[in-house]
Amino acid sequence: MEKALRYAFAVWIRIGRYVQDGRFNIDNNLMEQAIRPITLGRKNYLFCGNNEGAENNAIFYTFMACCREAGIEPYKWMKEVLSRSLPDMTEEELTKMLPSNFK
């Protein structure tokens, strides 16, 4: 009981925000579902070979989760992005290629 009360007091401000403002969700289930495939494979990522490989995996899976969130087919998005000359693009052009801005 003590552990539960300590937790409740630690998050009391957030609980108050939830009760006072109906825009706040009581949980973050949508985000947890989006990252579930990433966390399920976490043990496999230990064998990326090196830190650079692990970082590349993290970037790749982040893009895939962003595509899914934006309602874009990841394969189509990646095919379109990789068919362009990315090193020659400006920062503004690269920003337009992000899944959330992609059309």
N, C-alpha and C. Protein backbone atom coordinates (compact mmCIF):
# COMPACT_ATOMS: atom_id res chain seq x y z
N MET A 1 0.82 -1.18 0.00
CA MET A 1 0.00 0.00 0.00
C MET A 1 0.87 1.25 0.00
N GLU A 2 1.96 1.19 0.78
CA GLU A 2 2.86 2.34 0.84
C GLU A 2 3.44 2.65 -0.54
N LYS A 3 3.82 1.61 -1.27
CA LYS A 3 4.40 1.80 -2.60
C LYS A 3 3.39 2.47 -3.54
N ALA A 4 2.15 2.06 -3.47
CA ALA A 4 1.11 2.64 -4.31
C ALA A 4 0.87 4.11 -3.95
N LEU A 5 0.85 4.41 -2.67
CA LEU A 5 0.64 5.79 -2.24
C LEU A 5 1.81 6.69 -2.64
N ARG A 6 3.02 6.18 -2.50
CA ARG A 6 4.20 6.96 -2.92
C ARG A 6 4.12 7.28 -4.42
N TYR A 7 3.74 6.30 -5.20
CA TYR A 7 3.60 6.51 -6.64
C TYR A 7 2.51 7.55 -6.94
N ALA A 8 1.37 7.42 -6.27
CA ALA A 8 0.26 8.37 -6.50
C ALA A 8 0.68 9.79 -6.17
N PHE A 9 1.39 9.98 -5.06
CA PHE A 9 1.84 11.32 -4.69
C PHE A 9 2.90 11.84 -5.67
N ALA A 10 3.73 10.95 -6.20
CA ALA A 10 4.77 11.36 -7.15
C ALA A 10 4.18 11.87 -8.46
N VAL A 11 3.02 11.34 -8.85
CA VAL A 11 2.41 11.74 -10.13
C VAL A 11 1.13 12.57 -9.91
N TRP A 12 0.97 13.12 -8.72
CA TRP A 12 -0.26 13.83 -8.38
C TRP A 12 -0.56 15.00 -9.32
N ILE A 13 0.45 15.74 -9.71
CA ILE A 13 0.24 16.89 -10.61
C ILE A 13 -0.30 16.40 -11.95
N ARG A 14 0.28 15.32 -12.48
CA ARG A 14 -0.20 14.78 -13.76
C ARG A 14 -1.62 14.24 -13.64
N ILE A 15 -1.94 13.62 -12.52
CA ILE A 15 -3.31 13.12 -12.31
C ILE A 15 -4.28 14.30 -12.30
N GLY A 16 -3.89 15.38 -11.65
CA GLY A 16 -4.73 16.57 -11.61
C GLY A 16 -4.97 17.15 -12.99
N ARG A 17 -3.93 17.17 -13.83
CA ARG A 17 -4.10 17.67 -15.20
C ARG A 17 -5.09 16.80 -15.97
N TYR A 18 -4.98 15.51 -15.80
CA TYR A 18 -5.89 14.60 -16.50
C TYR A 18 -7.34 14.84 -16.09
N VAL A 19 -7.57 15.04 -14.80
CA VAL A 19 -8.93 15.22 -14.30
C VAL A 19 -9.50 16.57 -14.74
N GLN A 20 -8.67 17.61 -14.78
CA GLN A 20 -9.14 18.95 -15.11
C GLN A 20 -9.28 19.21 -16.60
N ASP A 21 -8.52 18.52 -17.43
CA ASP A 21 -8.52 18.78 -18.87
C ASP A 21 -8.81 17.49 -19.62
N GLY A 22 -9.95 17.42 -20.28
CA GLY A 22 -10.37 16.20 -20.96
C GLY A 22 -9.55 15.84 -22.18
N ARG A 23 -8.65 16.72 -22.62
CA ARG A 23 -7.82 16.41 -23.79
C ARG A 23 -6.72 15.41 -23.47
N PHE A 24 -6.36 15.28 -22.20
CA PHE A 24 -5.30 14.36 -21.82
C PHE A 24 -5.83 12.93 -21.76
N ASN A 25 -5.07 12.00 -22.32
CA ASN A 25 -5.42 10.58 -22.23
C ASN A 25 -4.89 10.01 -20.92
N ILE A 26 -5.58 9.02 -20.40
CA ILE A 26 -5.14 8.42 -19.14
C ILE A 26 -3.93 7.50 -19.35
N ASP A 27 -3.74 7.04 -20.58
CA ASP A 27 -2.58 6.19 -20.87
C ASP A 27 -1.98 6.59 -22.21
N ASN A 28 -0.87 5.97 -22.52
CA ASN A 28 -0.21 6.24 -23.80
C ASN A 28 -0.20 4.96 -24.64
N ASN A 29 -1.31 4.27 -24.66
CA ASN A 29 -1.41 2.97 -25.32
C ASN A 29 -1.06 3.04 -26.81
N LEU A 30 -1.44 4.12 -27.50
CA LEU A 30 -1.12 4.24 -28.92
C LEU A 30 0.39 4.22 -29.15
N MET A 31 1.13 4.96 -28.32
CA MET A 31 2.58 5.00 -28.47
C MET A 31 3.19 3.65 -28.09
N GLU A 32 2.66 3.02 -27.07
CA GLU A 32 3.18 1.72 -26.66
C GLU A 32 2.98 0.69 -27.77
N GLN A 33 1.85 0.75 -28.45
CA GLN A 33 1.61 -0.17 -29.56
C GLN A 33 2.55 0.12 -30.73
N ALA A 34 2.88 1.40 -30.95
CA ALA A 34 3.76 1.76 -32.05
C ALA A 34 5.18 1.25 -31.84
N ILE A 35 5.63 1.23 -30.59
CA ILE A 35 7.01 0.81 -30.33
C ILE A 35 7.13 -0.66 -29.95
N ARG A 36 6.00 -1.36 -29.85
CA ARG A 36 6.05 -2.78 -29.45
C ARG A 36 6.98 -3.61 -30.34
N PRO A 37 6.92 -3.51 -31.68
CA PRO A 37 7.83 -4.32 -32.50
C PRO A 37 9.29 -4.02 -32.21
N ILE A 38 9.58 -2.78 -31.87
CA ILE A 38 10.97 -2.41 -31.57
C ILE A 38 11.41 -3.06 -30.27
N THR A 39 10.56 -2.98 -29.26
CA THR A 39 10.96 -3.53 -27.97
C THR A 39 10.98 -5.05 -27.97
N LEU A 40 10.15 -5.68 -28.79
CA LEU A 40 10.17 -7.14 -28.85
C LEU A 40 11.49 -7.67 -29.42
N GLY A 41 12.10 -6.91 -30.30
CA GLY A 41 13.36 -7.35 -30.89
C GLY A 41 14.59 -6.83 -30.19
N ARG A 42 14.40 -6.23 -29.03
CA ARG A 42 15.53 -5.58 -28.35
C ARG A 42 16.72 -6.51 -28.13
N LYS A 43 16.47 -7.75 -27.75
CA LYS A 43 17.59 -8.67 -27.53
C LYS A 43 18.36 -8.92 -28.81
N ASN A 44 17.67 -8.93 -29.93
CA ASN A 44 18.36 -9.14 -31.21
C ASN A 44 19.26 -7.95 -31.56
N TYR A 45 18.90 -6.77 -31.10
CA TYR A 45 19.68 -5.59 -31.43
C TYR A 45 21.01 -5.56 -30.70
N LEU A 46 21.16 -6.42 -29.70
CA LEU A 46 22.45 -6.48 -29.01
C LEU A 46 23.56 -6.98 -29.94
N PHE A 47 23.15 -7.63 -31.02
CA PHE A 47 24.13 -8.24 -31.92
C PHE A 47 24.25 -7.45 -33.22
N CYS A 48 24.18 -6.14 -33.14
CA CYS A 48 24.30 -5.27 -34.32
C CYS A 48 25.74 -5.18 -34.80
N GLY A 49 26.66 -5.58 -34.00
CA GLY A 49 28.06 -5.55 -34.41
C GLY A 49 28.83 -4.42 -33.76
N ASN A 50 28.25 -3.23 -33.76
CA ASN A 50 28.90 -2.08 -33.16
C ASN A 50 27.87 -0.99 -32.88
N ASN A 51 28.31 0.09 -32.29
CA ASN A 51 27.39 1.18 -31.96
C ASN A 51 26.77 1.81 -33.19
N GLU A 52 27.54 1.95 -34.25
CA GLU A 52 27.03 2.56 -35.48
C GLU A 52 25.90 1.71 -36.06
N GLY A 53 26.06 0.40 -36.05
CA GLY A 53 25.01 -0.49 -36.54
C GLY A 53 23.74 -0.38 -35.70
N ALA A 54 23.90 -0.27 -34.39
CA ALA A 54 22.75 -0.12 -33.50
C ALA A 54 22.05 1.21 -33.75
N GLU A 55 22.81 2.28 -33.95
CA GLU A 55 22.21 3.58 -34.24
C GLU A 55 21.47 3.56 -35.58
N ASN A 56 22.05 2.91 -36.57
CA ASN A 56 21.38 2.79 -37.87
C ASN A 56 20.07 2.02 -37.75
N ASN A 57 20.08 0.94 -36.97
CA ASN A 57 18.84 0.19 -36.72
C ASN A 57 17.79 1.07 -36.06
N ALA A 58 18.20 1.84 -35.07
CA ALA A 58 17.26 2.71 -34.36
C ALA A 58 16.65 3.74 -35.31
N ILE A 59 17.46 4.31 -36.18
CA ILE A 59 16.97 5.29 -37.16
C ILE A 59 15.98 4.62 -38.10
N PHE A 60 16.33 3.46 -38.61
CA PHE A 60 15.47 2.74 -39.54
C PHE A 60 14.10 2.44 -38.92
N TYR A 61 14.11 1.87 -37.71
CA TYR A 61 12.86 1.52 -37.06
C TYR A 61 12.04 2.76 -36.68
N THR A 62 12.71 3.86 -36.38
CA THR A 62 11.99 5.11 -36.10
C THR A 62 11.27 5.59 -37.34
N PHE A 63 11.93 5.54 -38.49
CA PHE A 63 11.27 5.93 -39.74
C PHE A 63 10.08 5.01 -40.05
N MET A 64 10.22 3.72 -39.80
CA MET A 64 9.12 2.80 -40.08
C MET A 64 7.92 3.08 -39.17
N ALA A 65 8.19 3.36 -37.90
CA ALA A 65 7.10 3.69 -36.97
C ALA A 65 6.44 5.01 -37.36
N CYS A 66 7.23 5.98 -37.82
CA CYS A 66 6.68 7.26 -38.26
C CYS A 66 5.81 7.08 -39.51
N CYS A 67 6.23 6.21 -40.43
CA CYS A 67 5.42 5.93 -41.63
C CYS A 67 4.09 5.33 -41.21
N ARG A 68 4.13 4.38 -40.33
CA ARG A 68 2.90 3.73 -39.89
C ARG A 68 1.98 4.74 -39.21
N GLU A 69 2.54 5.61 -38.41
CA GLU A 69 1.74 6.63 -37.72
C GLU A 69 1.11 7.62 -38.71
N ALA A 70 1.83 7.94 -39.78
CA ALA A 70 1.34 8.89 -40.78
C ALA A 70 0.43 8.22 -41.82
N GLY A 71 0.28 6.89 -41.74
CA GLY A 71 -0.58 6.18 -42.68
C GLY A 71 0.05 6.01 -44.05
N ILE A 72 1.37 5.95 -44.09
CA ILE A 72 2.11 5.81 -45.34
C ILE A 72 2.69 4.40 -45.40
N GLU A 73 2.65 3.79 -46.58
CA GLU A 73 3.26 2.48 -46.79
C GLU A 73 4.79 2.64 -46.69
N PRO A 74 5.44 2.03 -45.70
CA PRO A 74 6.88 2.23 -45.51
C PRO A 74 7.72 1.86 -46.73
N TYR A 75 7.36 0.78 -47.42
CA TYR A 75 8.14 0.38 -48.59
C TYR A 75 8.08 1.44 -49.68
N LYS A 76 6.89 1.96 -49.97
CA LYS A 76 6.75 3.01 -50.98
C LYS A 76 7.53 4.26 -50.59
N TRP A 77 7.42 4.64 -49.30
CA TRP A 77 8.12 5.83 -48.83
C TRP A 77 9.63 5.66 -49.00
N MET A 78 10.15 4.52 -48.54
CA MET A 78 11.59 4.31 -48.62
C MET A 78 12.07 4.25 -50.07
N LYS A 79 11.29 3.60 -50.94
CA LYS A 79 11.66 3.51 -52.35
C LYS A 79 11.73 4.91 -52.98
N GLU A 80 10.74 5.75 -52.65
CA GLU A 80 10.72 7.12 -53.17
C GLU A 80 11.88 7.94 -52.64
N VAL A 81 12.13 7.86 -51.35
CA VAL A 81 13.20 8.65 -50.73
C VAL A 81 14.57 8.23 -51.25
N LEU A 82 14.80 6.92 -51.33
CA LEU A 82 16.13 6.44 -51.75
C LEU A 82 16.37 6.62 -53.24
N SER A 83 15.32 6.87 -54.02
CA SER A 83 15.51 7.09 -55.46
C SER A 83 15.99 8.51 -55.76
N ARG A 84 15.97 9.36 -54.77
CA ARG A 84 16.39 10.75 -54.95
C ARG A 84 17.83 10.94 -54.49
N SER A 85 18.43 12.02 -54.95
CA SER A 85 19.81 12.33 -54.58
C SER A 85 19.80 13.12 -53.26
N LEU A 86 19.82 12.40 -52.15
CA LEU A 86 19.70 13.03 -50.84
C LEU A 86 20.86 13.96 -50.47
N PRO A 87 22.11 13.61 -50.80
CA PRO A 87 23.21 14.51 -50.41
C PRO A 87 23.12 15.90 -51.05
N ASP A 88 22.45 16.01 -52.20
CA ASP A 88 22.35 17.29 -52.89
C ASP A 88 21.17 18.13 -52.44
N MET A 89 20.32 17.60 -51.56
CA MET A 89 19.12 18.32 -51.13
C MET A 89 19.43 19.32 -50.03
N THR A 90 18.61 20.37 -50.00
CA THR A 90 18.71 21.34 -48.92
C THR A 90 17.99 20.77 -47.70
N GLU A 91 18.19 21.42 -46.56
CA GLU A 91 17.53 20.97 -45.33
C GLU A 91 16.01 21.04 -45.48
N GLU A 92 15.52 22.07 -46.14
CA GLU A 92 14.07 22.21 -46.35
C GLU A 92 13.51 21.07 -47.20
N GLU A 93 14.24 20.69 -48.24
CA GLU A 93 13.80 19.58 -49.10
C GLU A 93 13.81 18.25 -48.33
N LEU A 94 14.83 18.06 -47.50
CA LEU A 94 14.91 16.84 -46.70
C LEU A 94 13.77 16.78 -45.69
N THR A 95 13.41 17.92 -45.13
CA THR A 95 12.30 17.96 -44.17
C THR A 95 11.00 17.56 -44.83
N LYS A 96 10.83 17.93 -46.09
CA LYS A 96 9.62 17.56 -46.83
C LYS A 96 9.55 16.05 -47.09
N MET A 97 10.68 15.38 -47.04
CA MET A 97 10.73 13.94 -47.29
C MET A 97 10.43 13.11 -46.04
N LEU A 98 10.36 13.73 -44.88
CA LEU A 98 10.03 13.00 -43.65
C LEU A 98 8.62 12.41 -43.77
N PRO A 99 8.40 11.26 -43.16
CA PRO A 99 7.09 10.61 -43.29
C PRO A 99 5.90 11.50 -42.93
N SER A 100 6.05 12.34 -41.91
CA SER A 100 4.93 13.19 -41.49
C SER A 100 4.61 14.28 -42.51
N ASN A 101 5.57 14.63 -43.37
CA ASN A 101 5.36 15.68 -44.37
C ASN A 101 5.23 15.12 -45.78
N PHE A 102 5.39 13.85 -45.94
CA PHE A 102 5.45 13.20 -47.26
C PHE A 102 4.07 13.10 -47.89
N LYS A 103 3.98 13.39 -49.17
CA LYS A 103 2.70 13.28 -49.90
C LYS A 103 2.90 12.54 -51.19
